[in-house]
Amino acid sequence: MLPRKSSPAPRRSHAVAVEVRVPSLGTSFGALASSIRPEGVFLSTFQELDVGTEVIVELSLPDGPAIVDGVVIAAGDPAGLGIAVELAPLDEGMRVRLSAASSVIPPPLAARVA
């Protein structure tokens, strides 16, 4: 009997779905969180927001939604896509949840190379 080759496991996306609400504009849009830390998130999106814009971020975490307030601190990655959001101070429970989520999502490539 010949050994059976197994197929590699399908690659899973490590990005987390996000809904971003912008109260000052009365709008919302979807994005993907490609980096999550208790201090902030990087959201992959084509939506442009000015630095200083206040947002409400709803992350779809494995243990349920996490809704946090934040402010845009940088617009775009080197390709000009996405926004970096600094999160408002969090209670300990939310810090633990976001820390757990950060272990699921690999850091951005630049952080892994450095």
Protein backbone atom coordinates (compact mmCIF):
# COMPACT_ATOMS: atom_id res chain seq x y z
CA MET A 1 0.00 0.00 0.00
CA LEU A 2 1.34 3.41 -0.96
CA PRO A 3 1.55 6.12 1.69
CA ARG A 4 -1.28 8.56 1.35
CA LYS A 5 -0.38 12.20 0.86
CA SER A 6 -2.34 14.57 2.96
CA SER A 7 -3.36 17.97 1.79
CA PRO A 8 -2.04 20.95 3.71
CA ALA A 9 -4.51 22.56 6.03
CA PRO A 10 -6.26 25.51 4.41
CA ARG A 11 -4.71 28.85 5.36
CA ARG A 12 -6.89 30.75 7.71
CA SER A 13 -7.17 34.47 7.56
CA HIS A 14 -5.83 36.03 10.74
CA ALA A 15 -7.64 39.30 10.15
CA VAL A 16 -10.61 40.20 12.35
CA ALA A 17 -13.76 41.75 10.89
CA VAL A 18 -14.45 45.26 12.16
CA GLU A 19 -17.25 47.79 11.91
CA VAL A 20 -16.02 51.36 12.23
CA ARG A 21 -18.49 54.09 13.16
CA VAL A 22 -17.59 57.75 12.66
CA PRO A 23 -20.02 59.80 14.81
CA SER A 24 -18.85 63.18 13.47
CA LEU A 25 -19.68 62.12 9.91
CA GLY A 26 -22.71 59.97 10.75
CA THR A 27 -21.22 57.08 8.76
CA SER A 28 -19.91 53.58 9.26
CA PHE A 29 -17.88 51.15 7.17
CA GLY A 30 -16.37 47.70 7.35
CA ALA A 31 -12.67 46.97 7.68
CA LEU A 32 -10.28 44.21 8.68
CA ALA A 33 -8.06 44.52 11.74
CA SER A 34 -4.68 43.26 10.59
CA SER A 35 -3.07 44.15 13.91
CA ILE A 36 -4.71 44.31 17.35
CA ARG A 37 -3.06 45.49 20.55
CA PRO A 38 -4.62 46.87 23.75
CA GLU A 39 -3.16 50.26 22.79
CA GLY A 40 -4.49 50.33 19.25
CA VAL A 41 -5.43 48.61 16.01
CA PHE A 42 -4.41 48.87 12.37
CA LEU A 43 -7.43 48.64 10.10
CA SER A 44 -7.05 47.57 6.48
CA THR A 45 -9.55 49.64 4.51
CA PHE A 46 -9.87 51.84 1.46
CA GLN A 47 -11.78 54.38 3.58
CA GLU A 48 -9.80 57.53 4.32
CA LEU A 49 -10.14 59.39 7.62
CA ASP A 50 -8.20 62.41 8.82
CA VAL A 51 -5.78 62.08 11.70
CA GLY A 52 -7.64 63.10 14.86
CA THR A 53 -11.01 61.68 13.76
CA GLU A 54 -12.79 59.98 16.66
CA VAL A 55 -14.18 56.53 15.89
CA ILE A 56 -16.04 53.68 17.55
CA VAL A 57 -14.53 50.31 16.63
CA GLU A 58 -16.48 47.05 16.93
CA LEU A 59 -14.17 44.06 16.63
CA SER A 60 -15.65 40.62 15.92
CA LEU A 61 -13.51 38.61 18.34
CA PRO A 62 -13.86 34.83 18.77
CA ASP A 63 -15.36 35.34 22.26
CA GLY A 64 -17.86 37.97 21.08
CA PRO A 65 -17.90 41.57 19.92
CA ALA A 66 -15.62 44.15 21.53
CA ILE A 67 -16.66 47.78 21.19
CA VAL A 68 -14.00 50.40 21.91
CA ASP A 69 -13.51 54.13 21.34
CA GLY A 70 -10.47 55.43 19.53
CA VAL A 71 -8.91 58.18 17.47
CA VAL A 72 -7.17 57.94 14.10
CA ILE A 73 -3.43 58.55 14.63
CA ALA A 74 -2.08 57.68 11.17
CA ALA A 75 -3.60 57.38 7.75
CA GLY A 76 -2.30 54.56 5.61
CA ASP A 77 0.45 52.03 5.43
CA PRO A 78 3.30 52.47 2.93
CA ALA A 79 0.83 51.63 0.12
CA GLY A 80 -1.59 54.25 1.45
CA LEU A 81 -4.21 51.74 2.57
CA GLY A 82 -5.70 51.56 6.04
CA ILE A 83 -5.73 53.60 9.21
CA ALA A 84 -4.06 53.29 12.58
CA VAL A 85 -6.36 53.86 15.56
CA GLU A 86 -5.19 54.56 19.10
CA LEU A 87 -7.70 53.17 21.58
CA ALA A 88 -9.07 55.04 24.58
CA PRO A 89 -7.98 53.63 27.96
CA LEU A 90 -9.52 50.18 28.50
CA ASP A 91 -10.68 48.33 31.58
CA GLU A 92 -8.64 45.27 32.55
CA GLY A 93 -11.16 42.81 31.08
CA MET A 94 -11.03 44.44 27.65
CA ARG A 95 -7.22 44.67 27.79
CA VAL A 96 -7.07 40.91 28.40
CA ARG A 97 -9.47 40.21 25.51
CA LEU A 98 -7.51 42.38 23.08
CA SER A 99 -4.21 40.89 24.26
CA ALA A 100 -5.60 37.41 23.58
CA ALA A 101 -6.72 38.55 20.12
CA SER A 102 -3.26 39.98 19.40
CA SER A 103 -1.72 36.53 19.93
CA VAL A 104 -3.95 35.19 17.13
CA ILE A 105 -2.96 37.87 14.60
CA PRO A 106 0.66 37.97 13.53
CA PRO A 107 2.38 41.35 13.84
CA PRO A 108 2.81 43.43 10.67
CA LEU A 109 5.67 42.26 8.44
CA ALA A 110 7.90 45.20 9.39
CA ALA A 111 7.65 44.24 13.08
CA ARG A 112 8.51 40.60 12.29
CA VAL A 113 11.57 41.56 10.25
CA ALA A 114 12.97 44.01 12.79
